[in-house]
């Protein structure tokens, strides 16, 4: 179960969404809104919650096979006592997340297994670079790897030659692209 989301803060912080009550009511639960307003950095907290919701949405869609339709109010976030860790509830299902907050981005991912995670600054990123990086980390030749998407647009990493397909989550916003892939032993 994987999913990730990245937010380019240089774009997202150009307007203060934390003060826009109409926007908040469409996206966040009353508890989340309270947490945002009580935060030392309300706009950062808002984008942390948003990225947690998006990461879990991707993982939940992968598990349930539902069509692409994000309803942010169906995903309720709470922070855990661990630094940069949270829980997102979707109905009766709970997902655990981790988040990295830097001065330039917020990156959240579903914390369910040992993963390989990488963030690229888009000026130097290409899909070819991504595949080279993955090949090096996974001990394959770069030309053996392909990123494919199923009919619901869910990406996977296809390893040619051994015909193996691995779950893969790719996210991009503004100047950043991020991916997570589980490190599966076999």
N, C-alpha and C. Protein backbone atom coordinates (compact mmCIF):
# COMPACT_ATOMS: atom_id res chain seq x y z
N UNK A 1 0.85 -1.16 0.00
CA UNK A 1 0.00 0.00 0.00
C UNK A 1 0.90 1.23 0.00
N UNK A 2 0.91 1.95 -1.10
CA UNK A 2 1.75 3.14 -1.20
C UNK A 2 0.97 4.30 -1.80
N UNK A 3 1.42 5.48 -1.48
CA UNK A 3 0.90 6.72 -2.03
C UNK A 3 1.77 7.84 -1.51
N UNK A 4 1.89 8.92 -2.25
CA UNK A 4 2.67 10.07 -1.80
C UNK A 4 2.14 11.32 -2.46
N UNK A 5 2.45 12.46 -1.87
CA UNK A 5 2.08 13.74 -2.45
C UNK A 5 3.12 14.77 -2.06
N UNK A 6 3.42 15.66 -2.99
CA UNK A 6 4.37 16.74 -2.71
C UNK A 6 3.71 18.08 -3.04
N UNK A 7 3.97 19.06 -2.20
CA UNK A 7 3.44 20.42 -2.36
C UNK A 7 4.63 21.36 -2.47
N UNK A 8 4.68 22.15 -3.54
CA UNK A 8 5.70 23.18 -3.70
C UNK A 8 5.24 24.41 -2.91
N UNK A 9 5.89 24.66 -1.79
CA UNK A 9 5.47 25.76 -0.92
C UNK A 9 5.70 27.13 -1.56
N UNK A 10 6.63 27.23 -2.49
CA UNK A 10 6.87 28.51 -3.15
C UNK A 10 5.65 28.93 -3.98
N UNK A 11 4.85 27.97 -4.40
CA UNK A 11 3.61 28.26 -5.11
C UNK A 11 2.45 28.36 -4.12
N UNK A 12 2.35 27.37 -3.23
CA UNK A 12 1.19 27.26 -2.35
C UNK A 12 1.10 28.35 -1.29
N UNK A 13 2.22 28.90 -0.89
CA UNK A 13 2.19 29.93 0.15
C UNK A 13 2.04 31.34 -0.41
N UNK A 14 1.81 31.47 -1.72
CA UNK A 14 1.62 32.81 -2.28
C UNK A 14 0.30 33.43 -1.84
N UNK A 15 -0.66 32.60 -1.46
CA UNK A 15 -1.92 33.09 -0.88
C UNK A 15 -2.16 32.34 0.43
N UNK A 16 -2.82 32.99 1.35
CA UNK A 16 -3.09 32.39 2.66
C UNK A 16 -4.43 31.66 2.62
N UNK A 17 -4.38 30.37 2.39
CA UNK A 17 -5.61 29.56 2.38
C UNK A 17 -6.14 29.34 3.79
N UNK A 18 -5.27 29.41 4.80
CA UNK A 18 -5.70 29.14 6.18
C UNK A 18 -6.73 30.16 6.65
N UNK A 19 -6.78 31.32 6.05
CA UNK A 19 -7.76 32.34 6.42
C UNK A 19 -9.01 32.32 5.57
N UNK A 20 -9.08 31.42 4.60
CA UNK A 20 -10.22 31.34 3.69
C UNK A 20 -11.20 30.28 4.22
N UNK A 21 -12.16 30.72 5.04
CA UNK A 21 -13.07 29.78 5.70
C UNK A 21 -13.89 28.97 4.71
N UNK A 22 -14.29 29.58 3.60
CA UNK A 22 -15.07 28.85 2.59
C UNK A 22 -14.26 27.68 2.03
N UNK A 23 -12.99 27.92 1.70
CA UNK A 23 -12.11 26.85 1.22
C UNK A 23 -11.93 25.78 2.30
N UNK A 24 -11.65 26.21 3.52
CA UNK A 24 -11.42 25.26 4.62
C UNK A 24 -12.62 24.32 4.80
N UNK A 25 -13.84 24.86 4.78
CA UNK A 25 -15.04 24.04 4.98
C UNK A 25 -15.23 23.01 3.87
N UNK A 26 -14.74 23.28 2.66
CA UNK A 26 -14.87 22.34 1.54
C UNK A 26 -13.87 21.20 1.62
N UNK A 27 -12.76 21.42 2.33
CA UNK A 27 -11.64 20.48 2.28
C UNK A 27 -11.36 19.80 3.62
N UNK A 28 -11.61 20.49 4.73
CA UNK A 28 -11.17 20.00 6.04
C UNK A 28 -12.33 19.85 7.02
N UNK A 29 -12.19 18.86 7.91
CA UNK A 29 -13.19 18.64 8.96
C UNK A 29 -13.06 19.74 10.01
N UNK A 30 -14.07 19.90 10.86
CA UNK A 30 -13.96 20.89 11.94
C UNK A 30 -12.73 20.68 12.83
N UNK A 31 -12.39 19.42 13.13
CA UNK A 31 -11.20 19.15 13.95
C UNK A 31 -9.93 19.58 13.22
N UNK A 32 -9.86 19.31 11.92
CA UNK A 32 -8.69 19.71 11.14
C UNK A 32 -8.58 21.24 11.08
N UNK A 33 -9.70 21.91 10.89
CA UNK A 33 -9.70 23.38 10.84
C UNK A 33 -9.22 23.94 12.17
N UNK A 34 -9.67 23.36 13.26
CA UNK A 34 -9.23 23.80 14.59
C UNK A 34 -7.72 23.62 14.74
N UNK A 35 -7.22 22.47 14.30
CA UNK A 35 -5.78 22.19 14.38
C UNK A 35 -4.99 23.18 13.53
N UNK A 36 -5.50 23.49 12.34
CA UNK A 36 -4.85 24.46 11.46
C UNK A 36 -4.77 25.82 12.14
N UNK A 37 -5.88 26.27 12.68
CA UNK A 37 -5.92 27.60 13.31
C UNK A 37 -5.09 27.68 14.58
N UNK A 38 -4.92 26.56 15.30
CA UNK A 38 -4.13 26.56 16.53
C UNK A 38 -2.64 26.37 16.27
N UNK A 39 -2.29 26.06 15.04
CA UNK A 39 -0.89 25.80 14.69
C UNK A 39 -0.06 27.10 14.70
N UNK A 40 1.23 26.97 14.98
CA UNK A 40 2.14 28.11 14.89
C UNK A 40 2.27 28.59 13.45
N UNK A 41 2.14 27.69 12.51
CA UNK A 41 2.23 28.01 11.08
C UNK A 41 0.99 27.43 10.38
N UNK A 42 -0.15 28.14 10.45
CA UNK A 42 -1.40 27.59 9.92
C UNK A 42 -1.34 27.15 8.46
N UNK A 43 -0.68 27.93 7.61
CA UNK A 43 -0.64 27.55 6.20
C UNK A 43 0.20 26.30 5.96
N UNK A 44 1.26 26.13 6.72
CA UNK A 44 2.06 24.90 6.59
C UNK A 44 1.24 23.71 7.06
N UNK A 45 0.52 23.85 8.17
CA UNK A 45 -0.32 22.77 8.67
C UNK A 45 -1.40 22.41 7.65
N UNK A 46 -1.99 23.41 7.02
CA UNK A 46 -2.99 23.18 6.00
C UNK A 46 -2.41 22.32 4.88
N UNK A 47 -1.22 22.68 4.38
CA UNK A 47 -0.63 21.92 3.29
C UNK A 47 -0.13 20.55 3.75
N UNK A 48 0.25 20.43 5.02
CA UNK A 48 0.60 19.10 5.54
C UNK A 48 -0.63 18.19 5.51
N UNK A 49 -1.76 18.69 6.00
CA UNK A 49 -2.99 17.90 5.97
C UNK A 49 -3.39 17.57 4.53
N UNK A 50 -3.28 18.56 3.63
CA UNK A 50 -3.65 18.31 2.24
C UNK A 50 -2.78 17.21 1.65
N UNK A 51 -1.47 17.27 1.88
CA UNK A 51 -0.58 16.26 1.30
C UNK A 51 -0.84 14.88 1.92
N UNK A 52 -1.18 14.83 3.20
CA UNK A 52 -1.54 13.56 3.84
C UNK A 52 -2.78 12.97 3.17
N UNK A 53 -3.78 13.81 2.93
CA UNK A 53 -5.02 13.35 2.29
C UNK A 53 -4.73 12.82 0.89
N UNK A 54 -3.94 13.55 0.13
CA UNK A 54 -3.61 13.13 -1.24
C UNK A 54 -2.84 11.82 -1.26
N UNK A 55 -1.85 11.68 -0.37
CA UNK A 55 -1.06 10.44 -0.32
C UNK A 55 -1.96 9.25 0.01
N UNK A 56 -2.84 9.42 0.97
CA UNK A 56 -3.74 8.33 1.36
C UNK A 56 -4.77 8.07 0.27
N UNK A 57 -5.24 9.12 -0.38
CA UNK A 57 -6.17 8.94 -1.50
C UNK A 57 -5.57 8.01 -2.54
N UNK A 58 -4.29 8.22 -2.88
CA UNK A 58 -3.63 7.39 -3.88
C UNK A 58 -3.50 5.94 -3.40
N UNK A 59 -3.14 5.75 -2.14
CA UNK A 59 -3.03 4.39 -1.59
C UNK A 59 -4.41 3.73 -1.53
N UNK A 60 -5.40 4.47 -1.09
CA UNK A 60 -6.76 3.94 -0.95
C UNK A 60 -7.33 3.56 -2.33
N UNK A 61 -7.09 4.39 -3.32
CA UNK A 61 -7.55 4.10 -4.68
C UNK A 61 -6.88 2.83 -5.20
N UNK A 62 -5.60 2.66 -4.90
CA UNK A 62 -4.86 1.47 -5.34
C UNK A 62 -5.45 0.22 -4.69
N UNK A 63 -5.82 0.31 -3.42
CA UNK A 63 -6.36 -0.85 -2.69
C UNK A 63 -7.79 -1.17 -3.12
N UNK A 64 -8.63 -0.14 -3.21
CA UNK A 64 -10.05 -0.37 -3.47
C UNK A 64 -10.39 -0.45 -4.96
N UNK A 65 -9.51 0.07 -5.82
CA UNK A 65 -9.78 0.06 -7.24
C UNK A 65 -10.87 1.04 -7.67
N UNK A 66 -11.17 1.99 -6.81
CA UNK A 66 -12.21 2.96 -7.14
C UNK A 66 -11.73 3.91 -8.24
N UNK A 67 -12.69 4.47 -8.92
CA UNK A 67 -12.37 5.45 -9.95
C UNK A 67 -11.83 6.72 -9.29
N UNK A 68 -11.10 7.50 -10.07
CA UNK A 68 -10.48 8.73 -9.56
C UNK A 68 -11.57 9.76 -9.22
N UNK A 69 -11.73 10.03 -7.94
CA UNK A 69 -12.64 11.06 -7.48
C UNK A 69 -12.25 11.38 -6.05
N UNK A 70 -11.57 12.49 -5.87
CA UNK A 70 -11.13 12.87 -4.53
C UNK A 70 -12.23 13.65 -3.84
N UNK A 71 -12.62 13.18 -2.67
CA UNK A 71 -13.54 13.90 -1.79
C UNK A 71 -12.76 14.16 -0.51
N UNK A 72 -12.09 15.32 -0.40
CA UNK A 72 -11.19 15.55 0.74
C UNK A 72 -11.85 15.42 2.10
N UNK A 73 -13.15 15.67 2.20
CA UNK A 73 -13.82 15.56 3.49
C UNK A 73 -13.98 14.10 3.94
N UNK A 74 -13.84 13.16 3.02
CA UNK A 74 -13.92 11.73 3.37
C UNK A 74 -12.62 11.23 4.00
N UNK A 75 -11.58 12.05 3.99
CA UNK A 75 -10.27 11.70 4.51
C UNK A 75 -9.98 12.62 5.69
N UNK A 76 -10.00 12.06 6.91
CA UNK A 76 -9.79 12.91 8.09
C UNK A 76 -8.43 12.65 8.71
N UNK A 77 -7.65 13.72 8.83
CA UNK A 77 -6.27 13.65 9.32
C UNK A 77 -6.19 13.93 10.81
N UNK A 78 -5.24 13.28 11.44
CA UNK A 78 -4.85 13.63 12.81
C UNK A 78 -3.35 13.40 12.90
N UNK A 79 -2.70 14.18 13.74
CA UNK A 79 -1.27 14.04 13.91
C UNK A 79 -1.00 13.09 15.06
N UNK A 80 0.02 12.26 14.92
CA UNK A 80 0.41 11.35 15.99
C UNK A 80 1.49 12.03 16.80
N UNK A 81 1.76 11.52 17.97
CA UNK A 81 2.74 12.14 18.85
C UNK A 81 4.15 12.09 18.28
N UNK A 82 4.41 11.13 17.38
CA UNK A 82 5.71 11.07 16.72
C UNK A 82 5.85 12.29 15.81
N UNK A 83 7.08 12.81 15.73
CA UNK A 83 7.30 13.96 14.88
C UNK A 83 7.04 13.61 13.42
N UNK A 84 6.29 14.46 12.73
CA UNK A 84 5.99 14.31 11.32
C UNK A 84 5.30 13.00 10.97
N UNK A 85 4.43 12.53 11.85
CA UNK A 85 3.67 11.31 11.59
C UNK A 85 2.20 11.61 11.81
N UNK A 86 1.35 10.95 11.05
CA UNK A 86 -0.07 11.20 11.18
C UNK A 86 -0.87 9.96 10.85
N UNK A 87 -2.18 10.08 11.03
CA UNK A 87 -3.14 9.05 10.71
C UNK A 87 -4.23 9.69 9.87
N UNK A 88 -4.65 9.00 8.84
CA UNK A 88 -5.77 9.47 8.03
C UNK A 88 -6.82 8.37 8.04
N UNK A 89 -8.03 8.76 8.43
CA UNK A 89 -9.15 7.82 8.48
C UNK A 89 -10.00 8.00 7.23
N UNK A 90 -10.32 6.88 6.58
CA UNK A 90 -11.23 6.86 5.44
C UNK A 90 -12.29 5.83 5.79
N UNK A 91 -13.46 6.29 6.17
CA UNK A 91 -14.48 5.37 6.65
C UNK A 91 -13.99 4.68 7.91
N UNK A 92 -13.92 3.35 7.88
CA UNK A 92 -13.44 2.59 9.04
C UNK A 92 -11.98 2.18 8.90
N UNK A 93 -11.33 2.60 7.82
CA UNK A 93 -9.94 2.22 7.55
C UNK A 93 -9.00 3.36 7.97
N UNK A 94 -7.87 2.97 8.58
CA UNK A 94 -6.87 3.93 9.01
C UNK A 94 -5.57 3.71 8.25
N UNK A 95 -4.96 4.81 7.83
CA UNK A 95 -3.67 4.79 7.14
C UNK A 95 -2.69 5.62 7.96
N UNK A 96 -1.46 5.15 8.05
CA UNK A 96 -0.42 5.88 8.77
C UNK A 96 0.46 6.59 7.75
N UNK A 97 0.77 7.84 8.05
CA UNK A 97 1.57 8.65 7.13
C UNK A 97 2.79 9.22 7.84
N UNK A 98 3.76 9.60 7.02
CA UNK A 98 4.90 10.38 7.48
C UNK A 98 4.99 11.59 6.57
N UNK A 99 5.55 12.67 7.09
CA UNK A 99 5.66 13.90 6.32
C UNK A 99 7.02 14.53 6.55
N UNK A 100 7.61 15.00 5.47
CA UNK A 100 8.83 15.80 5.55
C UNK A 100 8.45 17.22 5.16
N UNK A 101 8.79 18.16 6.04
CA UNK A 101 8.51 19.57 5.76
C UNK A 101 9.85 20.28 5.64
N UNK A 102 10.08 20.88 4.47
CA UNK A 102 11.30 21.66 4.24
C UNK A 102 10.87 23.10 3.97
N UNK A 103 11.81 24.02 3.87
CA UNK A 103 11.42 25.40 3.53
C UNK A 103 10.78 25.51 2.15
N UNK A 104 11.01 24.52 1.28
CA UNK A 104 10.52 24.59 -0.10
C UNK A 104 9.36 23.66 -0.43
N UNK A 105 9.16 22.60 0.35
CA UNK A 105 8.10 21.66 0.02
C UNK A 105 7.60 20.94 1.26
N UNK A 106 6.42 20.32 1.10
CA UNK A 106 5.85 19.38 2.06
C UNK A 106 5.67 18.08 1.29
N UNK A 107 6.24 16.99 1.81
CA UNK A 107 6.12 15.69 1.16
C UNK A 107 5.56 14.69 2.17
N UNK A 108 4.42 14.09 1.85
CA UNK A 108 3.80 13.06 2.70
C UNK A 108 3.72 11.75 1.93
N UNK A 109 3.83 10.65 2.68
CA UNK A 109 3.71 9.33 2.09
C UNK A 109 3.06 8.39 3.09
N UNK A 110 2.42 7.35 2.56
CA UNK A 110 1.80 6.33 3.40
C UNK A 110 2.92 5.47 3.96
N UNK A 111 2.89 5.31 5.26
CA UNK A 111 3.95 4.60 5.98
C UNK A 111 3.50 3.17 6.26
N UNK A 112 3.69 2.27 5.28
CA UNK A 112 3.22 0.90 5.47
C UNK A 112 4.29 -0.14 5.24
N UNK A 113 5.43 0.26 4.74
CA UNK A 113 6.49 -0.71 4.46
C UNK A 113 7.79 0.06 4.28
N UNK A 114 8.88 -0.69 4.21
CA UNK A 114 10.15 -0.05 3.90
C UNK A 114 10.07 0.44 2.45
N UNK A 115 10.41 1.71 2.25
CA UNK A 115 10.26 2.28 0.91
C UNK A 115 11.56 2.93 0.45
N UNK A 116 11.63 3.12 -0.84
CA UNK A 116 12.64 3.97 -1.46
C UNK A 116 11.90 5.25 -1.81
N UNK A 117 12.44 6.39 -1.39
CA UNK A 117 11.77 7.67 -1.58
C UNK A 117 12.79 8.66 -2.10
N UNK A 118 12.39 9.46 -3.07
CA UNK A 118 13.30 10.43 -3.65
C UNK A 118 12.51 11.65 -4.10
N UNK A 119 13.10 12.82 -3.91
CA UNK A 119 12.51 14.07 -4.37
C UNK A 119 13.47 14.71 -5.36
N UNK A 120 12.94 15.15 -6.48
CA UNK A 120 13.74 15.80 -7.51
C UNK A 120 13.30 17.25 -7.66
N UNK A 121 14.26 18.13 -7.87
CA UNK A 121 13.96 19.50 -8.28
C UNK A 121 13.82 19.44 -9.79
N UNK A 122 12.68 19.86 -10.32
CA UNK A 122 12.33 19.61 -11.72
C UNK A 122 13.31 20.15 -12.76
N UNK A 123 14.12 21.13 -12.43
CA UNK A 123 15.04 21.65 -13.45
C UNK A 123 16.04 20.59 -13.89
N UNK A 124 16.27 19.58 -13.05
CA UNK A 124 17.21 18.54 -13.43
C UNK A 124 16.54 17.18 -13.58
N UNK A 125 15.24 17.12 -13.41
CA UNK A 125 14.51 15.85 -13.43
C UNK A 125 14.02 15.51 -14.83
N UNK A 126 14.13 14.26 -15.17
CA UNK A 126 13.47 13.71 -16.36
C UNK A 126 13.09 12.28 -16.01
N UNK A 127 12.18 11.72 -16.78
CA UNK A 127 11.80 10.33 -16.53
C UNK A 127 13.00 9.42 -16.74
N UNK A 128 13.86 9.76 -17.67
CA UNK A 128 15.09 8.98 -17.89
C UNK A 128 15.97 8.99 -16.64
N UNK A 129 16.11 10.17 -16.00
CA UNK A 129 16.89 10.26 -14.76
C UNK A 129 16.26 9.41 -13.67
N UNK A 130 14.95 9.47 -13.58
CA UNK A 130 14.23 8.68 -12.59
C UNK A 130 14.48 7.19 -12.79
N UNK A 131 14.36 6.72 -14.01
CA UNK A 131 14.57 5.30 -14.28
C UNK A 131 16.02 4.89 -14.02
N UNK A 132 16.98 5.76 -14.33
CA UNK A 132 18.39 5.47 -14.02
C UNK A 132 18.59 5.35 -12.52
N UNK A 133 17.99 6.27 -11.76
CA UNK A 133 18.12 6.23 -10.30
C UNK A 133 17.51 4.95 -9.74
N UNK A 134 16.31 4.61 -10.20
CA UNK A 134 15.64 3.40 -9.73
C UNK A 134 16.45 2.15 -10.10
N UNK A 135 16.96 2.12 -11.31
CA UNK A 135 17.75 0.96 -11.75
C UNK A 135 18.97 0.78 -10.86
N UNK A 136 19.64 1.85 -10.54
CA UNK A 136 20.81 1.79 -9.67
C UNK A 136 20.43 1.26 -8.29
N UNK A 137 19.36 1.81 -7.71
CA UNK A 137 18.93 1.39 -6.37
C UNK A 137 18.43 -0.05 -6.33
N UNK A 138 17.79 -0.49 -7.41
CA UNK A 138 17.20 -1.83 -7.45
C UNK A 138 18.10 -2.86 -8.12
N UNK A 139 19.29 -2.45 -8.55
CA UNK A 139 20.27 -3.34 -9.18
C UNK A 139 19.77 -3.93 -10.50
N UNK A 140 19.22 -3.07 -11.36
CA UNK A 140 18.80 -3.46 -12.70
C UNK A 140 19.44 -2.51 -13.70
N UNK A 141 19.40 -2.88 -14.96
CA UNK A 141 19.80 -1.98 -16.04
C UNK A 141 18.63 -1.01 -16.29
N UNK A 142 18.94 0.25 -16.57
CA UNK A 142 17.89 1.26 -16.75
C UNK A 142 16.92 0.89 -17.87
N UNK A 143 17.40 0.26 -18.94
CA UNK A 143 16.51 -0.08 -20.05
C UNK A 143 15.56 -1.24 -19.72
N UNK A 144 15.73 -1.84 -18.54
CA UNK A 144 14.82 -2.91 -18.11
C UNK A 144 13.58 -2.35 -17.41
N UNK A 145 13.57 -1.05 -17.08
CA UNK A 145 12.49 -0.47 -16.30
C UNK A 145 11.58 0.40 -17.16
N UNK A 146 10.29 0.28 -16.91
CA UNK A 146 9.29 1.12 -17.57
C UNK A 146 8.25 1.52 -16.53
N UNK A 147 7.79 2.75 -16.62
CA UNK A 147 6.66 3.18 -15.80
C UNK A 147 5.41 3.00 -16.65
N UNK A 148 4.47 2.22 -16.13
CA UNK A 148 3.22 1.97 -16.85
C UNK A 148 2.05 2.41 -15.96
N UNK A 149 0.90 2.63 -16.59
CA UNK A 149 -0.31 2.99 -15.85
C UNK A 149 -1.43 2.05 -16.27
N UNK A 150 -2.23 1.67 -15.28
CA UNK A 150 -3.37 0.80 -15.58
C UNK A 150 -4.53 1.66 -16.11
N UNK A 151 -5.65 1.05 -16.47
CA UNK A 151 -6.78 1.83 -17.01
C UNK A 151 -7.32 2.90 -16.05
N UNK A 152 -7.06 2.75 -14.76
CA UNK A 152 -7.50 3.78 -13.79
C UNK A 152 -6.41 4.81 -13.54
N UNK A 153 -5.35 4.77 -14.35
CA UNK A 153 -4.25 5.73 -14.30
C UNK A 153 -3.35 5.55 -13.07
N UNK A 154 -3.33 4.37 -12.49
CA UNK A 154 -2.49 4.07 -11.33
C UNK A 154 -1.14 3.57 -11.85
N UNK A 155 -0.04 4.24 -11.48
CA UNK A 155 1.26 3.85 -12.02
C UNK A 155 1.87 2.63 -11.33
N UNK A 156 2.68 1.91 -12.10
CA UNK A 156 3.47 0.79 -11.60
C UNK A 156 4.82 0.83 -12.30
N UNK A 157 5.77 0.16 -11.69
CA UNK A 157 7.09 0.03 -12.29
C UNK A 157 7.18 -1.39 -12.85
N UNK A 158 7.35 -1.48 -14.16
CA UNK A 158 7.42 -2.77 -14.83
C UNK A 158 8.89 -3.09 -15.07
N UNK A 159 9.32 -4.25 -14.58
CA UNK A 159 10.70 -4.69 -14.78
C UNK A 159 10.68 -5.71 -15.92
N UNK A 160 11.19 -5.28 -17.06
CA UNK A 160 11.20 -6.11 -18.27
C UNK A 160 12.18 -7.27 -18.06
N UNK A 161 11.97 -8.34 -18.76
CA UNK A 161 12.88 -9.48 -18.68
C UNK A 161 12.47 -10.47 -17.60
N UNK A 162 12.15 -9.97 -16.40
CA UNK A 162 11.68 -10.88 -15.36
C UNK A 162 10.17 -10.72 -15.18
N UNK A 163 9.59 -9.83 -15.98
CA UNK A 163 8.15 -9.60 -16.01
C UNK A 163 7.57 -9.39 -14.62
N UNK A 164 8.15 -8.47 -13.87
CA UNK A 164 7.67 -8.15 -12.53
C UNK A 164 7.10 -6.74 -12.55
N UNK A 165 5.97 -6.55 -11.88
CA UNK A 165 5.35 -5.24 -11.78
C UNK A 165 5.31 -4.86 -10.31
N UNK A 166 5.86 -3.68 -9.99
CA UNK A 166 5.93 -3.19 -8.62
C UNK A 166 5.06 -1.95 -8.47
N UNK A 167 4.34 -1.82 -7.35
CA UNK A 167 3.59 -0.59 -7.12
C UNK A 167 4.54 0.60 -7.09
N UNK A 168 4.06 1.72 -7.56
CA UNK A 168 4.90 2.90 -7.72
C UNK A 168 4.00 4.12 -7.55
N UNK A 169 4.43 5.09 -6.76
CA UNK A 169 3.64 6.31 -6.58
C UNK A 169 4.49 7.50 -7.00
N UNK A 170 3.97 8.28 -7.92
CA UNK A 170 4.67 9.44 -8.45
C UNK A 170 3.81 10.67 -8.22
N UNK A 171 4.44 11.75 -7.79
CA UNK A 171 3.73 12.99 -7.50
C UNK A 171 4.56 14.17 -7.96
N UNK A 172 3.91 15.20 -8.44
CA UNK A 172 4.65 16.40 -8.81
C UNK A 172 3.79 17.64 -8.58
N UNK A 173 4.46 18.71 -8.22
CA UNK A 173 3.80 20.00 -8.04
C UNK A 173 4.86 21.08 -8.17
N UNK A 174 4.60 22.05 -9.01
CA UNK A 174 5.54 23.15 -9.17
C UNK A 174 6.90 22.66 -9.62
N UNK A 175 7.92 22.98 -8.81
CA UNK A 175 9.29 22.64 -9.16
C UNK A 175 9.75 21.28 -8.63
N UNK A 176 8.84 20.49 -8.04
CA UNK A 176 9.26 19.24 -7.40
C UNK A 176 8.50 18.03 -7.92
N UNK A 177 9.22 16.93 -8.01
CA UNK A 177 8.65 15.62 -8.33
C UNK A 177 9.16 14.66 -7.26
N UNK A 178 8.28 13.79 -6.79
CA UNK A 178 8.66 12.82 -5.76
C UNK A 178 8.09 11.46 -6.14
N UNK A 179 8.79 10.42 -5.68
CA UNK A 179 8.24 9.08 -5.86
C UNK A 179 8.51 8.27 -4.62
N UNK A 180 7.69 7.24 -4.44
CA UNK A 180 7.94 6.20 -3.44
C UNK A 180 7.67 4.87 -4.11
N UNK A 181 8.47 3.89 -3.71
CA UNK A 181 8.31 2.53 -4.20
C UNK A 181 8.66 1.61 -3.04
N UNK A 182 7.86 0.57 -2.80
CA UNK A 182 8.20 -0.34 -1.70
C UNK A 182 9.44 -1.16 -2.04
N UNK A 183 10.25 -1.39 -1.06
CA UNK A 183 11.42 -2.26 -1.23
C UNK A 183 10.98 -3.68 -0.92
N UNK A 184 10.60 -4.40 -1.96
CA UNK A 184 10.08 -5.74 -1.83
C UNK A 184 11.21 -6.73 -1.98
N UNK A 185 11.32 -7.62 -1.02
CA UNK A 185 12.37 -8.65 -1.06
C UNK A 185 11.85 -9.84 -1.87
N UNK A 186 12.45 -10.11 -3.01
CA UNK A 186 12.16 -11.30 -3.82
C UNK A 186 12.74 -11.14 -5.19
